[in-house]
């Protein structure tokens, strides 16, 4: 005997499966991953004004994280984006080019000096240092001398900021926002304070 419900739903499910890659959960939040190119185009271009918000699955645990473009939504996102966007105009990027070129020169000199030692190189650390040097130079107008000073505060604080912490990641995903607000006062804030001071100065 044919199941009527199965007959009715199967064409719908088959159609949906062609447009969706996967439905999964992050913590308690359902996530829909779209795979249909035309649907993706509509989301990113035609209907972008509806889908401009980023994922808010992971609850930010401090003001700095809550205030960046990847966390903001609605009018707050539009306001901050209008402030940040001019920074990346073609004219501003053109002005940054000499500074980035100078950072690349420092990187090349550092790599050349390392080849003379005939030792193994930590590529991740070297290019991470270059990235931080370029950011510090362009965004903060600070010359870091990062290759000659491995304990440079910009580098150490950046490494600490992006260092994975599985306990904190799980807590952010699973615990309610009210609990995370209470726990955040016990979390390390030194790196946040460092970068806030760098911006203020």
C-alpha atoms as a PDB file:
ATOM      1  CA  UNK A   1       0.000   0.000   0.000  1.00  0.00           C
ATOM      2  CA  UNK A   2       1.393   3.390  -0.946  1.00  0.00           C
ATOM      3  CA  UNK A   3       1.807   5.957   1.779  1.00  0.00           C
ATOM      4  CA  UNK A   4      -0.125   9.052   0.624  1.00  0.00           C
ATOM      5  CA  UNK A   5       1.918  11.348   2.834  1.00  0.00           C
ATOM      6  CA  UNK A   6       5.125  10.016   1.306  1.00  0.00           C
ATOM      7  CA  UNK A   7       3.798  10.554  -2.216  1.00  0.00           C
ATOM      8  CA  UNK A   8       2.861  14.175  -1.466  1.00  0.00           C
ATOM      9  CA  UNK A   9       6.088  15.099   0.363  1.00  0.00           C
ATOM     10  CA  UNK A  10       8.665  13.358  -1.812  1.00  0.00           C
ATOM     11  CA  UNK A  11       8.536  15.791  -4.778  1.00  0.00           C
ATOM     12  CA  UNK A  12       8.840  18.711  -2.357  1.00  0.00           C
ATOM     13  CA  UNK A  13      11.757  17.140  -0.478  1.00  0.00           C
ATOM     14  CA  UNK A  14      13.501  16.177  -3.712  1.00  0.00           C
ATOM     15  CA  UNK A  15      13.179  19.753  -4.970  1.00  0.00           C
ATOM     16  CA  UNK A  16      14.495  21.157  -1.688  1.00  0.00           C
ATOM     17  CA  UNK A  17      17.476  18.779  -1.599  1.00  0.00           C
ATOM     18  CA  UNK A  18      18.639  20.163  -4.934  1.00  0.00           C
ATOM     19  CA  UNK A  19      18.701  23.671  -3.489  1.00  0.00           C
ATOM     20  CA  UNK A  20      20.111  22.923  -0.046  1.00  0.00           C
ATOM     21  CA  UNK A  21      23.463  21.373   0.798  1.00  0.00           C
ATOM     22  CA  UNK A  22      22.894  20.706   4.467  1.00  0.00           C
ATOM     23  CA  UNK A  23      20.804  21.505   7.505  1.00  0.00           C
ATOM     24  CA  UNK A  24      22.739  21.271  10.755  1.00  0.00           C
ATOM     25  CA  UNK A  25      22.940  22.790  14.210  1.00  0.00           C
ATOM     26  CA  UNK A  26      25.495  24.998  15.949  1.00  0.00           C
ATOM     27  CA  UNK A  27      24.682  24.663  19.605  1.00  0.00           C
ATOM     28  CA  UNK A  28      20.911  25.055  19.747  1.00  0.00           C
ATOM     29  CA  UNK A  29      20.622  27.140  16.574  1.00  0.00           C
ATOM     30  CA  UNK A  30      19.544  25.515  13.263  1.00  0.00           C
ATOM     31  CA  UNK A  31      21.730  26.431  10.274  1.00  0.00           C
ATOM     32  CA  UNK A  32      20.573  26.224   6.655  1.00  0.00           C
ATOM     33  CA  UNK A  33      23.327  25.955   4.023  1.00  0.00           C
ATOM     34  CA  UNK A  34      22.162  26.973   0.536  1.00  0.00           C
ATOM     35  CA  UNK A  35      23.629  25.250  -2.509  1.00  0.00           C
ATOM     36  CA  UNK A  36      21.583  26.513  -5.444  1.00  0.00           C
ATOM     37  CA  UNK A  37      23.613  29.124  -7.438  1.00  0.00           C
ATOM     38  CA  UNK A  38      20.560  31.176  -8.409  1.00  0.00           C
ATOM     39  CA  UNK A  39      19.311  31.253  -4.839  1.00  0.00           C
ATOM     40  CA  UNK A  40      22.772  32.279  -3.607  1.00  0.00           C
ATOM     41  CA  UNK A  41      22.840  35.071  -6.202  1.00  0.00           C
ATOM     42  CA  UNK A  42      19.459  36.327  -5.003  1.00  0.00           C
ATOM     43  CA  UNK A  43      20.596  36.310  -1.375  1.00  0.00           C
ATOM     44  CA  UNK A  44      23.912  38.062  -2.021  1.00  0.00           C
ATOM     45  CA  UNK A  45      22.761  40.552  -4.675  1.00  0.00           C
ATOM     46  CA  UNK A  46      19.055  41.036  -5.334  1.00  0.00           C
ATOM     47  CA  UNK A  47      17.805  40.507  -1.773  1.00  0.00           C
ATOM     48  CA  UNK A  48      20.977  41.513   0.078  1.00  0.00           C
ATOM     49  CA  UNK A  49      19.081  44.223   1.982  1.00  0.00           C
ATOM     50  CA  UNK A  50      17.146  41.425   3.677  1.00  0.00           C
ATOM     51  CA  UNK A  51      20.090  39.095   4.320  1.00  0.00           C
ATOM     52  CA  UNK A  52      22.771  41.637   5.288  1.00  0.00           C
ATOM     53  CA  UNK A  53      23.045  40.342   8.873  1.00  0.00           C
ATOM     54  CA  UNK A  54      25.824  37.897   9.668  1.00  0.00           C
ATOM     55  CA  UNK A  55      25.507  34.778  11.781  1.00  0.00           C
ATOM     56  CA  UNK A  56      24.881  35.573  15.432  1.00  0.00           C
ATOM     57  CA  UNK A  57      25.220  32.004  16.699  1.00  0.00           C
ATOM     58  CA  UNK A  58      28.245  32.680  18.869  1.00  0.00           C
ATOM     59  CA  UNK A  59      27.412  35.222  21.538  1.00  0.00           C
ATOM     60  CA  UNK A  60      30.080  37.933  21.809  1.00  0.00           C
ATOM     61  CA  UNK A  61      31.466  38.253  25.314  1.00  0.00           C
ATOM     62  CA  UNK A  62      32.631  41.866  25.258  1.00  0.00           C
ATOM     63  CA  UNK A  63      31.817  45.263  23.775  1.00  0.00           C
ATOM     64  CA  UNK A  64      34.604  45.119  21.163  1.00  0.00           C
ATOM     65  CA  UNK A  65      33.387  41.819  19.719  1.00  0.00           C
ATOM     66  CA  UNK A  66      29.768  42.910  19.803  1.00  0.00           C
ATOM     67  CA  UNK A  67      30.585  46.100  17.891  1.00  0.00           C
ATOM     68  CA  UNK A  68      32.373  44.693  14.843  1.00  0.00           C
ATOM     69  CA  UNK A  69      30.735  44.318  11.433  1.00  0.00           C
ATOM     70  CA  UNK A  70      30.532  40.534  11.677  1.00  0.00           C
ATOM     71  CA  UNK A  71      28.327  40.804  14.784  1.00  0.00           C
ATOM     72  CA  UNK A  72      26.202  43.882  14.160  1.00  0.00           C
ATOM     73  CA  UNK A  73      22.758  43.694  12.617  1.00  0.00           C
ATOM     74  CA  UNK A  74      20.178  46.012  11.068  1.00  0.00           C
ATOM     75  CA  UNK A  75      20.677  49.767  11.376  1.00  0.00           C
ATOM     76  CA  UNK A  76      23.780  49.376  13.584  1.00  0.00           C
ATOM     77  CA  UNK A  77      25.460  47.327  10.845  1.00  0.00           C
ATOM     78  CA  UNK A  78      24.561  49.923   8.186  1.00  0.00           C
ATOM     79  CA  UNK A  79      25.866  52.781  10.356  1.00  0.00           C
ATOM     80  CA  UNK A  80      29.240  51.148  11.064  1.00  0.00           C
ATOM     81  CA  UNK A  81      29.601  49.953   7.467  1.00  0.00           C
ATOM     82  CA  UNK A  82      29.094  53.521   6.217  1.00  0.00           C
ATOM     83  CA  UNK A  83      31.945  54.595   8.526  1.00  0.00           C
ATOM     84  CA  UNK A  84      34.317  51.769   7.601  1.00  0.00           C
ATOM     85  CA  UNK A  85      33.698  51.583   3.831  1.00  0.00           C
ATOM     86  CA  UNK A  86      35.493  54.867   2.932  1.00  0.00           C
ATOM     87  CA  UNK A  87      38.658  53.435   4.499  1.00  0.00           C
ATOM     88  CA  UNK A  88      38.830  50.897   1.677  1.00  0.00           C
ATOM     89  CA  UNK A  89      38.133  53.238  -1.226  1.00  0.00           C
ATOM     90  CA  UNK A  90      40.485  53.037  -4.212  1.00  0.00           C
ATOM     91  CA  UNK A  91      42.130  56.329  -3.200  1.00  0.00           C
ATOM     92  CA  UNK A  92      42.801  55.194   0.369  1.00  0.00           C
ATOM     93  CA  UNK A  93      44.064  51.802  -0.807  1.00  0.00           C
ATOM     94  CA  UNK A  94      46.414  53.562  -3.217  1.00  0.00           C
ATOM     95  CA  UNK A  95      47.851  55.566  -0.306  1.00  0.00           C
ATOM     96  CA  UNK A  96      48.366  52.356   1.679  1.00  0.00           C
ATOM     97  CA  UNK A  97      50.353  50.733  -1.119  1.00  0.00           C
ATOM     98  CA  UNK A  98      53.761  52.320  -0.299  1.00  0.00           C
ATOM     99  CA  UNK A  99      53.377  51.316   3.355  1.00  0.00           C
ATOM    100  CA  UNK A 100      52.470  47.732   2.441  1.00  0.00           C
ATOM    101  CA  UNK A 101      55.366  47.635  -0.027  1.00  0.00           C
ATOM    102  CA  UNK A 102      57.696  48.747   2.766  1.00  0.00           C
ATOM    103  CA  UNK A 103      56.376  45.929   4.976  1.00  0.00           C
ATOM    104  CA  UNK A 104      56.973  43.448   2.146  1.00  0.00           C
ATOM    105  CA  UNK A 105      60.545  44.742   1.881  1.00  0.00           C
ATOM    106  CA  UNK A 106      61.076  44.104   5.603  1.00  0.00           C
ATOM    107  CA  UNK A 107      59.661  40.601   5.145  1.00  0.00           C
ATOM    108  CA  UNK A 108      61.993  39.865   2.225  1.00  0.00           C
ATOM    109  CA  UNK A 109      65.010  41.112   4.189  1.00  0.00           C
ATOM    110  CA  UNK A 110      64.017  38.888   7.105  1.00  0.00           C
ATOM    111  CA  UNK A 111      63.600  35.838   4.844  1.00  0.00           C
ATOM    112  CA  UNK A 112      66.961  36.528   3.225  1.00  0.00           C
ATOM    113  CA  UNK A 113      68.667  36.683   6.626  1.00  0.00           C
ATOM    114  CA  UNK A 114      67.035  33.386   7.615  1.00  0.00           C
ATOM    115  CA  UNK A 115      68.306  31.609   4.498  1.00  0.00           C
ATOM    116  CA  UNK A 116      71.870  32.375   5.596  1.00  0.00           C
ATOM    117  CA  UNK A 117      71.358  30.421   8.832  1.00  0.00           C
ATOM    118  CA  UNK A 118      70.318  27.253   6.956  1.00  0.00           C
ATOM    119  CA  UNK A 119      67.646  26.492   9.582  1.00  0.00           C
ATOM    120  CA  UNK A 120      64.007  25.512   9.393  1.00  0.00           C
ATOM    121  CA  UNK A 121      61.557  28.413   9.290  1.00  0.00           C
ATOM    122  CA  UNK A 122      58.132  28.709  10.892  1.00  0.00           C
ATOM    123  CA  UNK A 123      56.140  29.943   7.879  1.00  0.00           C
ATOM    124  CA  UNK A 124      52.971  30.532   9.891  1.00  0.00           C
ATOM    125  CA  UNK A 125      54.797  32.736  12.411  1.00  0.00           C
ATOM    126  CA  UNK A 126      56.700  34.627   9.712  1.00  0.00           C
ATOM    127  CA  UNK A 127      53.675  35.487   7.580  1.00  0.00           C
ATOM    128  CA  UNK A 128      51.572  36.122  10.670  1.00  0.00           C
ATOM    129  CA  UNK A 129      54.231  38.633  11.711  1.00  0.00           C
ATOM    130  CA  UNK A 130      54.072  40.248   8.270  1.00  0.00           C
ATOM    131  CA  UNK A 131      50.284  40.543   8.525  1.00  0.00           C
ATOM    132  CA  UNK A 132      50.507  42.204  11.931  1.00  0.00           C
ATOM    133  CA  UNK A 133      53.267  44.523  10.693  1.00  0.00           C
ATOM    134  CA  UNK A 134      51.109  45.628   7.737  1.00  0.00           C
ATOM    135  CA  UNK A 135      48.048  46.162   9.951  1.00  0.00           C
ATOM    136  CA  UNK A 136      50.011  48.099  12.570  1.00  0.00           C
ATOM    137  CA  UNK A 137      51.626  50.263   9.881  1.00  0.00           C
ATOM    138  CA  UNK A 138      48.455  51.026   7.885  1.00  0.00           C
ATOM    139  CA  UNK A 139      45.858  51.171  10.655  1.00  0.00           C
ATOM    140  CA  UNK A 140      47.863  52.515  13.602  1.00  0.00           C
ATOM    141  CA  UNK A 141      50.825  54.239  11.882  1.00  0.00           C
ATOM    142  CA  UNK A 142      53.156  52.266  14.163  1.00  0.00           C
ATOM    143  CA  UNK A 143      56.493  50.824  13.039  1.00  0.00           C
ATOM    144  CA  UNK A 144      56.727  47.518  14.888  1.00  0.00           C
ATOM    145  CA  UNK A 145      60.187  46.160  13.980  1.00  0.00           C
ATOM    146  CA  UNK A 146      58.390  42.873  14.477  1.00  0.00           C
ATOM    147  CA  UNK A 147      61.051  40.562  13.004  1.00  0.00           C
ATOM    148  CA  UNK A 148      63.816  41.796  15.274  1.00  0.00           C
ATOM    149  CA  UNK A 149      61.573  41.640  18.329  1.00  0.00           C
ATOM    150  CA  UNK A 150      59.649  38.332  18.687  1.00  0.00           C
ATOM    151  CA  UNK A 151      58.143  39.607  21.954  1.00  0.00           C
ATOM    152  CA  UNK A 152      56.593  42.604  20.213  1.00  0.00           C
ATOM    153  CA  UNK A 153      53.319  43.403  22.043  1.00  0.00           C
ATOM    154  CA  UNK A 154      51.363  43.676  18.772  1.00  0.00           C
ATOM    155  CA  UNK A 155      52.355  40.139  17.804  1.00  0.00           C
ATOM    156  CA  UNK A 156      51.937  38.544  21.235  1.00  0.00           C
ATOM    157  CA  UNK A 157      48.524  40.138  21.796  1.00  0.00           C
ATOM    158  CA  UNK A 158      47.339  39.184  18.302  1.00  0.00           C
ATOM    159  CA  UNK A 159      48.435  35.572  18.827  1.00  0.00           C
ATOM    160  CA  UNK A 160      46.646  35.516  22.179  1.00  0.00           C
ATOM    161  CA  UNK A 161      43.490  36.991  20.633  1.00  0.00           C
ATOM    162  CA  UNK A 162      43.207  34.298  17.951  1.00  0.00           C
ATOM    163  CA  UNK A 163      44.489  31.451  20.093  1.00  0.00           C
ATOM    164  CA  UNK A 164      41.773  28.742  20.144  1.00  0.00           C
ATOM    165  CA  UNK A 165      40.111  28.101  23.501  1.00  0.00           C
ATOM    166  CA  UNK A 166      37.802  25.093  23.256  1.00  0.00           C
ATOM    167  CA  UNK A 167      36.202  25.680  26.660  1.00  0.00           C
ATOM    168  CA  UNK A 168      35.316  29.292  25.836  1.00  0.00           C
ATOM    169  CA  UNK A 169      34.097  28.308  22.351  1.00  0.00           C
ATOM    170  CA  UNK A 170      31.742  25.683  23.770  1.00  0.00           C
ATOM    171  CA  UNK A 171      30.522  28.058  26.474  1.00  0.00           C
ATOM    172  CA  UNK A 172      29.788  30.724  23.862  1.00  0.00           C
ATOM    173  CA  UNK A 173      27.760  28.275  21.799  1.00  0.00           C
ATOM    174  CA  UNK A 174      25.835  26.527  24.549  1.00  0.00           C
ATOM    175  CA  UNK A 175      25.344  28.938  27.434  1.00  0.00           C
ATOM    176  CA  UNK A 176      22.623  31.614  27.516  1.00  0.00           C
ATOM    177  CA  UNK A 177      23.654  35.215  26.867  1.00  0.00           C
ATOM    178  CA  UNK A 178      22.900  36.228  30.465  1.00  0.00           C
ATOM    179  CA  UNK A 179      25.342  33.606  31.776  1.00  0.00           C
ATOM    180  CA  UNK A 180      28.035  34.686  29.292  1.00  0.00           C
ATOM    181  CA  UNK A 181      27.679  38.316  30.412  1.00  0.00           C
ATOM    182  CA  UNK A 182      28.344  37.186  33.982  1.00  0.00           C
ATOM    183  CA  UNK A 183      31.290  34.986  32.988  1.00  0.00           C
ATOM    184  CA  UNK A 184      32.968  37.609  30.812  1.00  0.00           C
ATOM    185  CA  UNK A 185      34.257  39.538  33.834  1.00  0.00           C
ATOM    186  CA  UNK A 186      36.403  36.511  34.685  1.00  0.00           C
ATOM    187  CA  UNK A 187      37.870  36.218  31.185  1.00  0.00           C
ATOM    188  CA  UNK A 188      41.168  37.809  30.213  1.00  0.00           C
ATOM    189  CA  UNK A 189      40.741  41.358  28.904  1.00  0.00           C
ATOM    190  CA  UNK A 190      44.403  42.336  28.530  1.00  0.00           C
ATOM    191  CA  UNK A 191      44.450  41.911  24.747  1.00  0.00           C
ATOM    192  CA  UNK A 192      41.264  43.935  24.271  1.00  0.00           C
ATOM    193  CA  UNK A 193      42.595  46.717  26.496  1.00  0.00           C
ATOM    194  CA  UNK A 194      45.882  46.747  24.540  1.00  0.00           C
ATOM    195  CA  UNK A 195      44.218  47.251  21.146  1.00  0.00           C
ATOM    196  CA  UNK A 196      41.732  49.799  22.502  1.00  0.00           C
ATOM    197  CA  UNK A 197      44.645  51.871  23.852  1.00  0.00           C
ATOM    198  CA  UNK A 198      46.479  51.520  20.530  1.00  0.00           C
ATOM    199  CA  UNK A 199      43.442  52.910  18.682  1.00  0.00           C
ATOM    200  CA  UNK A 200      42.974  55.747  21.184  1.00  0.00           C
ATOM    201  CA  UNK A 201      46.622  56.779  20.950  1.00  0.00           C
END
